[in-house]
Amino acid sequence: MKTSKLEKLELELATEEENLKQHLLRVLPEDAESGSNVFTNSECNPSNLPAHLFRSDAEILLNSARECLRLRRAVGLDSEGSIGAIFLEACQEYASGDPQTRGPRKPASSVLRALGHGT
């Protein structure tokens, strides 16, 4: 029984990570170019924007990344370098206010490179 539960969690993880990756690959090229800002959400909001000004998919991306990390923990995998961790680190980088970040373009390009689709 344990094996089937673990296999189910592994399948959920693979599906969630693939969904997050595909979603990011759809939205990040525009973000890297125009700065539409995929990285502002309820957790990372350096300008204190009201939630209704977030991208419509902001919380979906945040929750998907968190779910990826939760599932990785559940199956005993390290999260470092995973798609969920990469996205959350980019959100935190953007929210840090570091002048080197230069808005959402740099984190978007960084995530695309990490996904193997460099800009």
Protein backbone atom coordinates (compact mmCIF):
# COMPACT_ATOMS: atom_id res chain seq x y z
CA MET A 1 0.00 0.00 0.00
CA LYS A 2 2.82 2.41 0.86
CA THR A 3 4.39 1.98 -2.54
CA SER A 4 1.18 2.84 -4.33
CA LYS A 5 0.79 5.98 -2.18
CA LEU A 6 4.37 6.99 -2.96
CA GLU A 7 3.86 6.29 -6.65
CA LYS A 8 0.70 8.40 -6.59
CA LEU A 9 2.58 11.28 -4.96
CA GLU A 10 5.41 10.96 -7.48
CA LEU A 11 2.89 11.10 -10.33
CA GLU A 12 1.20 14.14 -8.77
CA LEU A 13 4.62 15.80 -8.43
CA ALA A 14 5.58 15.09 -12.04
CA THR A 15 2.23 16.44 -13.25
CA GLU A 16 2.35 19.57 -11.07
CA GLU A 17 5.94 20.36 -12.06
CA GLU A 18 5.16 19.89 -15.74
CA ASN A 19 2.07 22.10 -15.47
CA LEU A 20 4.06 24.83 -13.71
CA LYS A 21 6.86 24.59 -16.26
CA GLN A 22 4.47 24.83 -19.22
CA HIS A 23 2.62 27.76 -17.65
CA LEU A 24 5.91 29.59 -17.07
CA LEU A 25 7.11 28.86 -20.59
CA ARG A 26 3.90 30.46 -21.90
CA VAL A 27 4.11 33.65 -19.81
CA LEU A 28 7.81 34.30 -19.16
CA PRO A 29 8.95 35.22 -22.68
CA GLU A 30 6.53 38.17 -22.64
CA ASP A 31 7.54 39.01 -19.07
CA ALA A 32 11.22 38.96 -20.00
CA GLU A 33 10.52 41.36 -22.86
CA SER A 34 7.77 43.64 -21.59
CA GLY A 35 8.05 43.27 -17.83
CA SER A 36 4.41 42.24 -17.36
CA ASN A 37 5.46 40.90 -13.96
CA VAL A 38 4.76 37.28 -13.27
CA PHE A 39 6.49 37.62 -9.88
CA THR A 40 4.12 39.86 -7.91
CA ASN A 41 1.71 37.86 -5.78
CA SER A 42 0.37 37.76 -2.24
CA GLU A 43 3.72 36.49 -0.94
CA CYS A 44 6.01 38.78 -2.95
CA ASN A 45 4.53 42.22 -3.35
CA PRO A 46 7.24 44.90 -3.05
CA SER A 47 4.95 47.73 -4.19
CA ASN A 48 2.09 46.71 -1.86
CA LEU A 49 -0.28 46.44 -4.79
CA PRO A 50 -3.87 45.50 -4.01
CA ALA A 51 -4.57 41.91 -5.06
CA HIS A 52 -6.94 42.97 -7.85
CA LEU A 53 -3.94 44.51 -9.66
CA PHE A 54 -1.97 41.24 -9.75
CA ARG A 55 -1.84 39.25 -12.95
CA SER A 56 -4.89 37.00 -13.15
CA ASP A 57 -2.63 33.94 -12.83
CA ALA A 58 -0.39 35.30 -10.04
CA GLU A 59 -1.84 33.17 -7.26
CA ILE A 60 -2.16 30.13 -9.51
CA LEU A 61 1.59 30.25 -10.19
CA LEU A 62 2.43 30.86 -6.53
CA ASN A 63 0.20 28.02 -5.33
CA SER A 64 1.52 25.66 -7.99
CA ALA A 65 5.12 26.37 -6.97
CA ARG A 66 4.24 25.81 -3.31
CA GLU A 67 2.47 22.55 -4.20
CA CYS A 68 5.54 21.37 -6.11
CA LEU A 69 7.69 21.95 -3.02
CA ARG A 70 5.14 20.24 -0.75
CA LEU A 71 5.01 17.19 -3.01
CA ARG A 72 8.80 17.05 -3.21
CA ARG A 73 8.98 16.98 0.58
CA ALA A 74 6.28 14.29 0.69
CA VAL A 75 8.27 11.97 -1.59
CA GLY A 76 11.59 12.79 0.09
CA LEU A 77 13.16 14.77 -2.73
CA ASP A 78 15.36 17.84 -2.39
CA SER A 79 13.71 21.02 -3.65
CA GLU A 80 16.91 22.85 -4.54
CA GLY A 81 16.99 23.58 -8.26
CA SER A 82 13.42 22.35 -8.77
CA ILE A 83 10.93 24.34 -10.85
CA GLY A 84 8.94 25.35 -7.76
CA ALA A 85 12.05 26.54 -5.93
CA ILE A 86 13.35 28.40 -8.99
CA PHE A 87 10.06 30.27 -9.38
CA LEU A 88 9.78 31.15 -5.69
CA GLU A 89 13.41 32.33 -5.61
CA ALA A 90 12.70 34.57 -8.61
CA CYS A 91 9.66 36.01 -6.80
CA GLN A 92 11.80 36.71 -3.74
CA GLU A 93 14.57 38.23 -5.88
CA TYR A 94 12.05 40.55 -7.50
CA ALA A 95 10.50 41.47 -4.15
CA SER A 96 13.88 42.13 -2.52
CA GLY A 97 14.10 45.61 -3.99
CA ASP A 98 17.70 44.97 -5.00
CA PRO A 99 18.59 47.59 -7.64
CA GLN A 100 20.44 44.87 -9.58
CA THR A 101 17.12 43.11 -10.20
CA ARG A 102 15.93 45.83 -12.62
CA GLY A 103 12.27 44.93 -12.43
CA PRO A 104 10.73 41.63 -13.48
CA ARG A 105 12.74 41.22 -16.71
CA LYS A 106 15.90 39.88 -15.09
CA PRO A 107 14.15 37.23 -12.94
CA ALA A 108 12.05 36.20 -15.96
CA SER A 109 15.17 35.73 -18.08
CA SER A 110 16.84 33.86 -15.24
CA VAL A 111 13.93 31.42 -14.86
CA LEU A 112 13.79 30.86 -18.62
CA ARG A 113 17.51 30.02 -18.63
CA ALA A 114 16.99 27.61 -15.72
CA LEU A 115 14.22 25.92 -17.72
CA GLY A 116 16.59 25.56 -20.67
CA HIS A 117 14.86 28.23 -22.77
CA GLY A 118 17.28 31.10 -22.47
CA THR A 119 16.56 34.56 -23.75
